[in-house]
Amino acid sequence: MAASDNEITRRCFLNKTAKTGLMMASVWPLSVPVSAVYGAQSQKASGPVPHRTIDQSLCIGCGSCVPLCPVGAISLGDETSSIDSHECTECGTCFRAEICPADAIKPVKLGWPRVIRETFSNPWVEHETTGITGRGTEGIKTNDAQNRFKEGDLGVFIEVGRPVLGGRFSDVDRIVRRFKAHGYEVIPHNPISALIDDPKTGALKPEILEEKIISCVIEFVLPDTAADELLTMVRALSEEVESVFSLSVALRADEQGQSPFEELFGTDAFCLPNAKVNIGMAAGIGREEA
């Protein structure tokens, strides 16, 4: 049997193991340049080391760091471990774990566009556009306070990269372009909005397309009459997007507390009951005087 017979492409892996699902769940303007969003360091690469590395003069080849990498970017060679810079998401897990007995994993100040990997993948790094760490979105659970989507709207959340594979902004670009072609914009408060280079097409900044991240969430608001259109877009994207992605739909309950999910998407759509439920106790909700 040839060695190639045992190989499996990423596309084949995803077709066999990952499906796009729907989950039911019960986000302020942004108009700043990307250079301001990601700081002065985003203007040019800083320092002689443009990405995280393992100091080969210090590494003792114990391999303790290898299983820590969430995207499998660290490998153990004959004598030392090394980081594949193309696959590394700059999440910092290997460094933060303090597992290296030789202190061979070094922090590094990242330049643009590499820094965007860290911004989206390191849970300790804050997005300046949102003031939130990690993927930089407050998400479904804050809708009572943020009021992103209202009754009659579909809150649409597409997450790229999880589980396991991670994703590149080239896939995010495909998703944003597809929705833009149908007339739907990324919501302004989502950090992806600051990375759009061409508002007419939704194209992202070309220099970031090959940057890899653990995951990101892209948010849209559609009218509930666009349920079939949404499914058509997602089916098309399943043939275009290279990494794994998931689709979640958030809906407001009616006055009787019922969800229109099955009415909009049918009984065959996957629905996880009570995945996220808000009960009207967020900031700004009035209370009766005692």
C-alpha atoms as a PDB file:
ATOM      1  CA  MET A   1       0.000   0.000   0.000  1.00  0.00           C
ATOM      2  CA  ALA A   2       1.390   3.404  -0.959  1.00  0.00           C
ATOM      3  CA  ALA A   3       1.977   5.976   1.770  1.00  0.00           C
ATOM      4  CA  SER A   4      -0.458   8.327   0.050  1.00  0.00           C
ATOM      5  CA  ASP A   5      -3.234   5.792   0.567  1.00  0.00           C
ATOM      6  CA  ASN A   6      -3.150   6.577   4.277  1.00  0.00           C
ATOM      7  CA  GLU A   7      -3.206  10.337   3.828  1.00  0.00           C
ATOM      8  CA  ILE A   8      -6.347  12.387   4.278  1.00  0.00           C
ATOM      9  CA  THR A   9      -6.789  15.948   3.092  1.00  0.00           C
ATOM     10  CA  ARG A  10      -8.245  18.630   5.320  1.00  0.00           C
ATOM     11  CA  ARG A  11     -11.241  18.890   3.020  1.00  0.00           C
ATOM     12  CA  CYS A  12     -11.845  15.134   3.244  1.00  0.00           C
ATOM     13  CA  PHE A  13     -11.462  15.227   7.020  1.00  0.00           C
ATOM     14  CA  LEU A  14     -14.021  17.987   7.356  1.00  0.00           C
ATOM     15  CA  ASN A  15     -16.472  16.289   5.013  1.00  0.00           C
ATOM     16  CA  LYS A  16     -16.262  13.145   7.106  1.00  0.00           C
ATOM     17  CA  THR A  17     -16.288  14.580  10.609  1.00  0.00           C
ATOM     18  CA  ALA A  18     -17.631  18.145  10.720  1.00  0.00           C
ATOM     19  CA  LYS A  19     -21.128  19.363   9.944  1.00  0.00           C
ATOM     20  CA  THR A  20     -22.627  22.807   9.963  1.00  0.00           C
ATOM     21  CA  GLY A  21     -25.382  22.937  12.588  1.00  0.00           C
ATOM     22  CA  LEU A  22     -27.992  25.354  13.804  1.00  0.00           C
ATOM     23  CA  MET A  23     -28.373  26.182  17.472  1.00  0.00           C
ATOM     24  CA  MET A  24     -31.134  28.320  18.888  1.00  0.00           C
ATOM     25  CA  ALA A  25     -30.262  30.957  21.465  1.00  0.00           C
ATOM     26  CA  SER A  26     -32.320  33.736  23.104  1.00  0.00           C
ATOM     27  CA  VAL A  27     -24.453  43.112  19.687  1.00  0.00           C
ATOM     28  CA  TRP A  28     -22.091  50.640  19.156  1.00  0.00           C
ATOM     29  CA  PRO A  29     -20.804  52.105  16.005  1.00  0.00           C
ATOM     30  CA  LEU A  30     -17.192  51.589  14.938  1.00  0.00           C
ATOM     31  CA  SER A  31     -15.324  53.938  12.611  1.00  0.00           C
ATOM     32  CA  VAL A  32     -11.631  53.859  13.480  1.00  0.00           C
ATOM     33  CA  PRO A  33      -8.631  52.956  11.299  1.00  0.00           C
ATOM     34  CA  VAL A  34      -7.188  49.492  11.747  1.00  0.00           C
ATOM     35  CA  SER A  35      -3.839  51.029  12.702  1.00  0.00           C
ATOM     36  CA  ALA A  36      -5.509  52.635  15.706  1.00  0.00           C
ATOM     37  CA  VAL A  37      -7.326  49.432  16.563  1.00  0.00           C
ATOM     38  CA  TYR A  38      -4.232  47.261  16.731  1.00  0.00           C
ATOM     39  CA  GLY A  39      -1.787  49.913  17.931  1.00  0.00           C
ATOM     40  CA  ALA A  40       1.324  51.532  16.535  1.00  0.00           C
ATOM     41  CA  GLN A  41       3.063  48.153  16.419  1.00  0.00           C
ATOM     42  CA  SER A  42       0.689  47.224  13.601  1.00  0.00           C
ATOM     43  CA  GLN A  43       2.470  49.560  11.202  1.00  0.00           C
ATOM     44  CA  LYS A  44       5.575  47.460  10.752  1.00  0.00           C
ATOM     45  CA  ALA A  45       7.211  44.287  11.936  1.00  0.00           C
ATOM     46  CA  SER A  46       9.102  44.888  15.167  1.00  0.00           C
ATOM     47  CA  GLY A  47      12.412  43.274  16.069  1.00  0.00           C
ATOM     48  CA  PRO A  48      14.427  40.500  14.474  1.00  0.00           C
ATOM     49  CA  VAL A  49      12.017  37.693  15.527  1.00  0.00           C
ATOM     50  CA  PRO A  50       8.630  38.156  13.806  1.00  0.00           C
ATOM     51  CA  HIS A  51       6.939  35.187  15.503  1.00  0.00           C
ATOM     52  CA  ARG A  52       7.108  33.011  18.593  1.00  0.00           C
ATOM     53  CA  THR A  53      10.000  30.550  18.622  1.00  0.00           C
ATOM     54  CA  ILE A  54      11.696  27.972  20.801  1.00  0.00           C
ATOM     55  CA  ASP A  55      15.310  28.889  21.499  1.00  0.00           C
ATOM     56  CA  GLN A  56      17.217  25.991  19.971  1.00  0.00           C
ATOM     57  CA  SER A  57      20.276  26.705  22.119  1.00  0.00           C
ATOM     58  CA  LEU A  58      18.218  26.166  25.274  1.00  0.00           C
ATOM     59  CA  CYS A  59      15.710  23.472  24.290  1.00  0.00           C
ATOM     60  CA  ILE A  60      16.538  20.060  25.794  1.00  0.00           C
ATOM     61  CA  GLY A  61      14.089  18.126  23.622  1.00  0.00           C
ATOM     62  CA  CYS A  62      11.844  16.928  26.447  1.00  0.00           C
ATOM     63  CA  GLY A  63       8.723  17.410  24.318  1.00  0.00           C
ATOM     64  CA  SER A  64       6.634  18.728  27.224  1.00  0.00           C
ATOM     65  CA  CYS A  65       5.357  21.606  25.117  1.00  0.00           C
ATOM     66  CA  VAL A  66       4.194  19.510  22.163  1.00  0.00           C
ATOM     67  CA  PRO A  67       0.773  18.382  23.472  1.00  0.00           C
ATOM     68  CA  LEU A  68      -0.056  21.875  24.741  1.00  0.00           C
ATOM     69  CA  CYS A  69      -0.435  23.475  21.311  1.00  0.00           C
ATOM     70  CA  PRO A  70      -4.143  23.652  20.422  1.00  0.00           C
ATOM     71  CA  VAL A  71      -3.396  23.628  16.678  1.00  0.00           C
ATOM     72  CA  GLY A  72      -0.525  21.142  16.618  1.00  0.00           C
ATOM     73  CA  ALA A  73       2.084  23.708  15.564  1.00  0.00           C
ATOM     74  CA  ILE A  74       4.813  22.382  17.887  1.00  0.00           C
ATOM     75  CA  SER A  75       6.737  19.255  16.934  1.00  0.00           C
ATOM     76  CA  LEU A  76       9.626  17.311  18.466  1.00  0.00           C
ATOM     77  CA  GLY A  77      12.601  16.631  16.216  1.00  0.00           C
ATOM     78  CA  ASP A  78      15.636  14.460  16.832  1.00  0.00           C
ATOM     79  CA  GLU A  79      16.984  16.702  19.583  1.00  0.00           C
ATOM     80  CA  THR A  80      14.758  19.754  20.047  1.00  0.00           C
ATOM     81  CA  SER A  81      11.193  20.996  19.682  1.00  0.00           C
ATOM     82  CA  SER A  82      10.241  23.702  17.216  1.00  0.00           C
ATOM     83  CA  ILE A  83       7.247  25.832  16.282  1.00  0.00           C
ATOM     84  CA  ASP A  84       5.851  25.870  12.749  1.00  0.00           C
ATOM     85  CA  SER A  85       5.391  29.613  12.300  1.00  0.00           C
ATOM     86  CA  HIS A  86       2.849  29.139   9.488  1.00  0.00           C
ATOM     87  CA  GLU A  87       0.556  27.060  11.699  1.00  0.00           C
ATOM     88  CA  CYS A  88       1.132  28.892  15.014  1.00  0.00           C
ATOM     89  CA  THR A  89      -1.772  31.132  16.061  1.00  0.00           C
ATOM     90  CA  GLU A  90       0.302  33.083  18.628  1.00  0.00           C
ATOM     91  CA  CYS A  91      -2.169  32.067  21.330  1.00  0.00           C
ATOM     92  CA  GLY A  92       0.653  31.965  23.882  1.00  0.00           C
ATOM     93  CA  THR A  93      -0.500  28.726  25.504  1.00  0.00           C
ATOM     94  CA  CYS A  94       2.942  27.133  25.383  1.00  0.00           C
ATOM     95  CA  PHE A  95       4.529  30.173  27.082  1.00  0.00           C
ATOM     96  CA  ARG A  96       1.794  30.837  29.650  1.00  0.00           C
ATOM     97  CA  ALA A  97       1.806  27.215  30.804  1.00  0.00           C
ATOM     98  CA  GLU A  98       5.385  27.657  32.095  1.00  0.00           C
ATOM     99  CA  ILE A  99       5.983  23.994  31.361  1.00  0.00           C
ATOM    100  CA  CYS A 100       9.384  24.336  29.694  1.00  0.00           C
ATOM    101  CA  PRO A 101      12.101  23.308  32.198  1.00  0.00           C
ATOM    102  CA  ALA A 102      14.746  25.153  30.178  1.00  0.00           C
ATOM    103  CA  ASP A 103      12.756  28.362  29.683  1.00  0.00           C
ATOM    104  CA  ALA A 104      13.316  28.006  25.949  1.00  0.00           C
ATOM    105  CA  ILE A 105       9.943  29.376  24.824  1.00  0.00           C
ATOM    106  CA  LYS A 106      10.290  33.123  24.553  1.00  0.00           C
ATOM    107  CA  PRO A 107       7.718  35.918  24.340  1.00  0.00           C
ATOM    108  CA  VAL A 108       7.948  38.168  21.318  1.00  0.00           C
ATOM    109  CA  LYS A 109       6.548  41.550  20.351  1.00  0.00           C
ATOM    110  CA  LEU A 110       4.602  40.915  17.179  1.00  0.00           C
ATOM    111  CA  GLY A 111       4.340  43.254  14.219  1.00  0.00           C
ATOM    112  CA  TRP A 112       1.541  43.774  11.728  1.00  0.00           C
ATOM    113  CA  PRO A 113      -0.093  41.666  10.398  1.00  0.00           C
ATOM    114  CA  ARG A 114       1.199  38.858  12.622  1.00  0.00           C
ATOM    115  CA  VAL A 115      -0.136  40.580  15.744  1.00  0.00           C
ATOM    116  CA  ILE A 116      -3.688  39.871  14.653  1.00  0.00           C
ATOM    117  CA  ARG A 117      -3.141  36.186  15.388  1.00  0.00           C
ATOM    118  CA  GLU A 118      -2.470  36.999  19.016  1.00  0.00           C
ATOM    119  CA  THR A 119      -5.336  39.463  19.261  1.00  0.00           C
ATOM    120  CA  PHE A 120      -7.886  36.836  18.254  1.00  0.00           C
ATOM    121  CA  SER A 121      -6.247  33.761  19.805  1.00  0.00           C
ATOM    122  CA  ASN A 122      -4.715  34.811  23.123  1.00  0.00           C
ATOM    123  CA  PRO A 123      -7.417  35.025  25.831  1.00  0.00           C
ATOM    124  CA  TRP A 124      -5.329  37.586  27.739  1.00  0.00           C
ATOM    125  CA  VAL A 125      -5.172  40.090  24.870  1.00  0.00           C
ATOM    126  CA  GLU A 126      -7.897  42.734  24.635  1.00  0.00           C
ATOM    127  CA  HIS A 127      -9.493  43.928  21.413  1.00  0.00           C
ATOM    128  CA  GLU A 128      -9.317  47.713  21.424  1.00  0.00           C
ATOM    129  CA  THR A 129     -12.478  47.850  19.307  1.00  0.00           C
ATOM    130  CA  THR A 130     -14.589  46.050  21.889  1.00  0.00           C
ATOM    131  CA  GLY A 131     -12.651  46.118  25.146  1.00  0.00           C
ATOM    132  CA  ILE A 132     -13.072  42.352  25.345  1.00  0.00           C
ATOM    133  CA  THR A 133     -10.399  39.684  25.357  1.00  0.00           C
ATOM    134  CA  GLY A 134     -10.162  36.592  23.177  1.00  0.00           C
ATOM    135  CA  ARG A 135     -12.322  36.630  20.069  1.00  0.00           C
ATOM    136  CA  GLY A 136     -13.567  40.097  20.947  1.00  0.00           C
ATOM    137  CA  THR A 137     -17.328  39.706  20.919  1.00  0.00           C
ATOM    138  CA  GLU A 138     -19.869  39.751  23.720  1.00  0.00           C
ATOM    139  CA  GLY A 139     -22.054  37.376  21.772  1.00  0.00           C
ATOM    140  CA  ILE A 140     -25.570  36.099  22.163  1.00  0.00           C
ATOM    141  CA  LYS A 141     -25.884  36.178  25.911  1.00  0.00           C
ATOM    142  CA  THR A 142     -25.693  40.000  26.157  1.00  0.00           C
ATOM    143  CA  ASN A 143     -28.527  40.829  23.765  1.00  0.00           C
ATOM    144  CA  ASP A 144     -30.853  42.022  26.515  1.00  0.00           C
ATOM    145  CA  ALA A 145     -28.357  44.815  27.221  1.00  0.00           C
ATOM    146  CA  GLN A 146     -26.945  45.357  23.724  1.00  0.00           C
ATOM    147  CA  ASN A 147     -30.219  44.927  21.790  1.00  0.00           C
ATOM    148  CA  ARG A 148     -28.415  43.891  18.614  1.00  0.00           C
ATOM    149  CA  PHE A 149     -31.327  41.921  17.227  1.00  0.00           C
ATOM    150  CA  LYS A 150     -35.006  42.504  17.886  1.00  0.00           C
ATOM    151  CA  GLU A 151     -38.222  40.602  17.446  1.00  0.00           C
ATOM    152  CA  GLY A 152     -38.470  39.666  13.789  1.00  0.00           C
ATOM    153  CA  ASP A 153     -34.673  39.453  13.435  1.00  0.00           C
ATOM    154  CA  LEU A 154     -32.263  36.566  13.131  1.00  0.00           C
ATOM    155  CA  GLY A 155     -29.096  37.039  15.132  1.00  0.00           C
ATOM    156  CA  VAL A 156     -26.572  35.097  13.044  1.00  0.00           C
ATOM    157  CA  PHE A 157     -23.259  33.971  14.535  1.00  0.00           C
ATOM    158  CA  ILE A 158     -20.712  32.084  12.453  1.00  0.00           C
ATOM    159  CA  GLU A 159     -17.660  30.744  14.252  1.00  0.00           C
ATOM    160  CA  VAL A 160     -14.648  29.757  12.158  1.00  0.00           C
ATOM    161  CA  GLY A 161     -11.890  27.442  13.380  1.00  0.00           C
ATOM    162  CA  ARG A 162     -13.329  25.495  16.269  1.00  0.00           C
ATOM    163  CA  PRO A 163     -13.119  22.725  17.156  1.00  0.00           C
ATOM    164  CA  VAL A 164      -9.539  21.527  16.550  1.00  0.00           C
ATOM    165  CA  LEU A 165      -8.431  23.029  13.252  1.00  0.00           C
ATOM    166  CA  GLY A 166      -8.154  26.766  13.699  1.00  0.00           C
ATOM    167  CA  GLY A 167      -8.860  28.983  10.724  1.00  0.00           C
ATOM    168  CA  ARG A 168      -7.377  31.627   8.467  1.00  0.00           C
ATOM    169  CA  PHE A 169      -8.787  35.004   7.585  1.00  0.00           C
ATOM    170  CA  SER A 170      -9.097  33.821   3.996  1.00  0.00           C
ATOM    171  CA  ASP A 171     -12.070  31.767   5.220  1.00  0.00           C
ATOM    172  CA  VAL A 172     -13.469  34.729   7.143  1.00  0.00           C
ATOM    173  CA  ASP A 173     -13.119  36.733   3.921  1.00  0.00           C
ATOM    174  CA  ARG A 174     -15.179  34.175   2.009  1.00  0.00           C
ATOM    175  CA  ILE A 175     -17.959  34.336   4.576  1.00  0.00           C
ATOM    176  CA  VAL A 176     -18.089  38.125   4.779  1.00  0.00           C
ATOM    177  CA  ARG A 177     -18.078  38.431   0.966  1.00  0.00           C
ATOM    178  CA  ARG A 178     -20.887  35.908   0.618  1.00  0.00           C
ATOM    179  CA  PHE A 179     -23.132  37.727   3.086  1.00  0.00           C
ATOM    180  CA  LYS A 180     -22.262  41.113   1.576  1.00  0.00           C
ATOM    181  CA  ALA A 181     -23.238  39.849  -1.872  1.00  0.00           C
ATOM    182  CA  HIS A 182     -26.685  39.175  -0.398  1.00  0.00           C
ATOM    183  CA  GLY A 183     -26.825  42.651   1.145  1.00  0.00           C
ATOM    184  CA  TYR A 184     -25.875  41.797   4.736  1.00  0.00           C
ATOM    185  CA  GLU A 185     -23.153  43.598   6.697  1.00  0.00           C
ATOM    186  CA  VAL A 186     -21.024  42.446   9.609  1.00  0.00           C
ATOM    187  CA  ILE A 187     -22.470  44.210  12.631  1.00  0.00           C
ATOM    188  CA  PRO A 188     -20.368  47.303  13.486  1.00  0.00           C
ATOM    189  CA  HIS A 189     -19.385  46.203  17.007  1.00  0.00           C
ATOM    190  CA  ASN A 190     -17.908  42.909  15.821  1.00  0.00           C
ATOM    191  CA  PRO A 191     -14.069  43.166  15.513  1.00  0.00           C
ATOM    192  CA  ILE A 192     -14.143  41.758  11.973  1.00  0.00           C
ATOM    193  CA  SER A 193     -15.809  44.994  10.889  1.00  0.00           C
ATOM    194  CA  ALA A 194     -12.547  46.903  11.470  1.00  0.00           C
ATOM    195  CA  LEU A 195     -10.685  44.523   9.150  1.00  0.00           C
ATOM    196  CA  ILE A 196     -12.826  45.077   6.048  1.00  0.00           C
ATOM    197  CA  ASP A 197     -10.791  46.707   3.291  1.00  0.00           C
ATOM    198  CA  ASP A 198     -13.494  47.146   0.650  1.00  0.00           C
ATOM    199  CA  PRO A 199     -16.948  48.036   2.034  1.00  0.00           C
ATOM    200  CA  LYS A 200     -18.526  47.403  -1.374  1.00  0.00           C
ATOM    201  CA  THR A 201     -17.546  43.750  -1.534  1.00  0.00           C
ATOM    202  CA  GLY A 202     -16.797  42.944   2.098  1.00  0.00           C
ATOM    203  CA  ALA A 203     -13.216  41.956   1.197  1.00  0.00           C
ATOM    204  CA  LEU A 204     -10.832  41.899   4.146  1.00  0.00           C
ATOM    205  CA  LYS A 205      -7.411  43.532   4.167  1.00  0.00           C
ATOM    206  CA  PRO A 206      -5.284  41.422   1.805  1.00  0.00           C
ATOM    207  CA  GLU A 207      -2.256  41.291   4.102  1.00  0.00           C
ATOM    208  CA  ILE A 208      -4.174  39.373   6.788  1.00  0.00           C
ATOM    209  CA  LEU A 209      -5.729  36.634   4.658  1.00  0.00           C
ATOM    210  CA  GLU A 210      -3.119  33.974   5.469  1.00  0.00           C
ATOM    211  CA  GLU A 211      -2.959  34.815   9.170  1.00  0.00           C
ATOM    212  CA  LYS A 212      -4.160  31.904  11.302  1.00  0.00           C
ATOM    213  CA  ILE A 213      -6.251  32.118  14.468  1.00  0.00           C
ATOM    214  CA  ILE A 214      -7.782  29.615  16.851  1.00  0.00           C
ATOM    215  CA  SER A 215     -11.251  30.939  16.097  1.00  0.00           C
ATOM    216  CA  CYS A 216     -13.344  34.014  15.514  1.00  0.00           C
ATOM    217  CA  VAL A 217     -17.041  34.828  15.532  1.00  0.00           C
ATOM    218  CA  ILE A 218     -18.618  36.809  12.682  1.00  0.00           C
ATOM    219  CA  GLU A 219     -21.986  38.380  13.456  1.00  0.00           C
ATOM    220  CA  PHE A 220     -24.834  39.480  11.217  1.00  0.00           C
ATOM    221  CA  VAL A 221     -28.465  40.491  11.681  1.00  0.00           C
ATOM    222  CA  LEU A 222     -30.961  39.242   9.088  1.00  0.00           C
ATOM    223  CA  PRO A 223     -34.752  39.560   8.933  1.00  0.00           C
ATOM    224  CA  ASP A 224     -36.513  36.361   9.958  1.00  0.00           C
ATOM    225  CA  THR A 225     -37.948  36.186   6.444  1.00  0.00           C
ATOM    226  CA  ALA A 226     -34.414  35.356   5.246  1.00  0.00           C
ATOM    227  CA  ALA A 227     -34.218  31.945   6.941  1.00  0.00           C
ATOM    228  CA  ASP A 228     -34.185  30.009   3.661  1.00  0.00           C
ATOM    229  CA  GLU A 229     -31.699  32.469   2.161  1.00  0.00           C
ATOM    230  CA  LEU A 230     -29.436  31.998   5.180  1.00  0.00           C
ATOM    231  CA  LEU A 231     -29.413  28.234   4.734  1.00  0.00           C
ATOM    232  CA  THR A 232     -28.653  28.630   1.022  1.00  0.00           C
ATOM    233  CA  MET A 233     -25.648  30.851   1.821  1.00  0.00           C
ATOM    234  CA  VAL A 234     -24.351  28.448   4.435  1.00  0.00           C
ATOM    235  CA  ARG A 235     -24.638  25.447   2.132  1.00  0.00           C
ATOM    236  CA  ALA A 236     -22.623  27.335  -0.492  1.00  0.00           C
ATOM    237  CA  LEU A 237     -20.012  28.299   2.117  1.00  0.00           C
ATOM    238  CA  SER A 238     -19.656  24.668   3.201  1.00  0.00           C
ATOM    239  CA  GLU A 239     -18.133  24.015  -0.235  1.00  0.00           C
ATOM    240  CA  GLU A 240     -15.825  27.043  -0.088  1.00  0.00           C
ATOM    241  CA  VAL A 241     -14.544  27.347   3.477  1.00  0.00           C
ATOM    242  CA  GLU A 242     -11.429  25.268   4.169  1.00  0.00           C
ATOM    243  CA  SER A 243     -11.749  25.042   7.941  1.00  0.00           C
ATOM    244  CA  VAL A 244     -14.575  23.936  10.195  1.00  0.00           C
ATOM    245  CA  PHE A 245     -17.281  26.463  10.988  1.00  0.00           C
ATOM    246  CA  SER A 246     -20.548  26.490  12.889  1.00  0.00           C
ATOM    247  CA  LEU A 247     -23.724  28.516  12.514  1.00  0.00           C
ATOM    248  CA  SER A 248     -25.825  29.651  15.462  1.00  0.00           C
ATOM    249  CA  VAL A 249     -29.115  31.500  15.158  1.00  0.00           C
ATOM    250  CA  ALA A 250     -30.480  33.646  17.969  1.00  0.00           C
ATOM    251  CA  LEU A 251     -34.172  34.533  18.161  1.00  0.00           C
ATOM    252  CA  ARG A 252     -36.292  36.520  20.536  1.00  0.00           C
ATOM    253  CA  ALA A 253     -39.166  34.616  22.105  1.00  0.00           C
ATOM    254  CA  ASP A 254     -42.709  35.877  21.503  1.00  0.00           C
ATOM    255  CA  GLU A 255     -45.017  37.232  24.210  1.00  0.00           C
ATOM    256  CA  GLN A 256     -45.990  33.693  25.144  1.00  0.00           C
ATOM    257  CA  GLY A 257     -42.336  32.719  25.575  1.00  0.00           C
ATOM    258  CA  GLN A 258     -42.317  30.548  22.469  1.00  0.00           C
ATOM    259  CA  SER A 259     -39.559  30.433  19.867  1.00  0.00           C
ATOM    260  CA  PRO A 260     -40.301  30.624  16.126  1.00  0.00           C
ATOM    261  CA  PHE A 261     -37.262  28.447  15.363  1.00  0.00           C
ATOM    262  CA  GLU A 262     -39.071  25.385  14.008  1.00  0.00           C
ATOM    263  CA  GLU A 263     -41.495  27.543  12.055  1.00  0.00           C
ATOM    264  CA  LEU A 264     -38.569  29.264  10.309  1.00  0.00           C
ATOM    265  CA  PHE A 265     -36.155  26.353   9.852  1.00  0.00           C
ATOM    266  CA  GLY A 266     -38.319  23.254  10.019  1.00  0.00           C
ATOM    267  CA  THR A 267     -38.250  20.317  12.374  1.00  0.00           C
ATOM    268  CA  ASP A 268     -35.210  18.736  10.708  1.00  0.00           C
ATOM    269  CA  ALA A 269     -32.857  21.553  11.750  1.00  0.00           C
ATOM    270  CA  PHE A 270     -30.713  20.783  14.775  1.00  0.00           C
ATOM    271  CA  CYS A 271     -31.991  22.648  17.809  1.00  0.00           C
ATOM    272  CA  LEU A 272     -30.391  22.498  21.225  1.00  0.00           C
ATOM    273  CA  PRO A 273     -33.183  23.536  23.609  1.00  0.00           C
ATOM    274  CA  ASN A 274     -32.360  26.387  25.944  1.00  0.00           C
ATOM    275  CA  ALA A 275     -28.803  26.736  24.672  1.00  0.00           C
ATOM    276  CA  LYS A 276     -28.862  30.381  25.767  1.00  0.00           C
ATOM    277  CA  VAL A 277     -31.853  31.901  27.491  1.00  0.00           C
ATOM    278  CA  ASN A 278     -32.082  35.510  28.678  1.00  0.00           C
ATOM    279  CA  ILE A 279     -34.730  36.329  31.253  1.00  0.00           C
ATOM    280  CA  GLY A 280     -34.892  40.111  31.052  1.00  0.00           C
ATOM    281  CA  MET A 281     -32.622  40.948  33.966  1.00  0.00           C
ATOM    282  CA  ALA A 282     -29.948  42.844  32.033  1.00  0.00           C
ATOM    283  CA  ALA A 283     -28.937  46.465  32.647  1.00  0.00           C
ATOM    284  CA  GLY A 284     -31.550  48.934  31.508  1.00  0.00           C
ATOM    285  CA  ILE A 285     -34.543  46.726  32.262  1.00  0.00           C
ATOM    286  CA  GLY A 286     -36.986  48.650  34.463  1.00  0.00           C
ATOM    287  CA  ARG A 287     -38.087  47.442  37.876  1.00  0.00           C
ATOM    288  CA  GLU A 288     -41.262  48.161  39.778  1.00  0.00           C
ATOM    289  CA  GLU A 289     -40.882  50.353  42.804  1.00  0.00           C
ATOM    290  CA  ALA A 290     -41.329  48.545  46.098  1.00  0.00           C
END
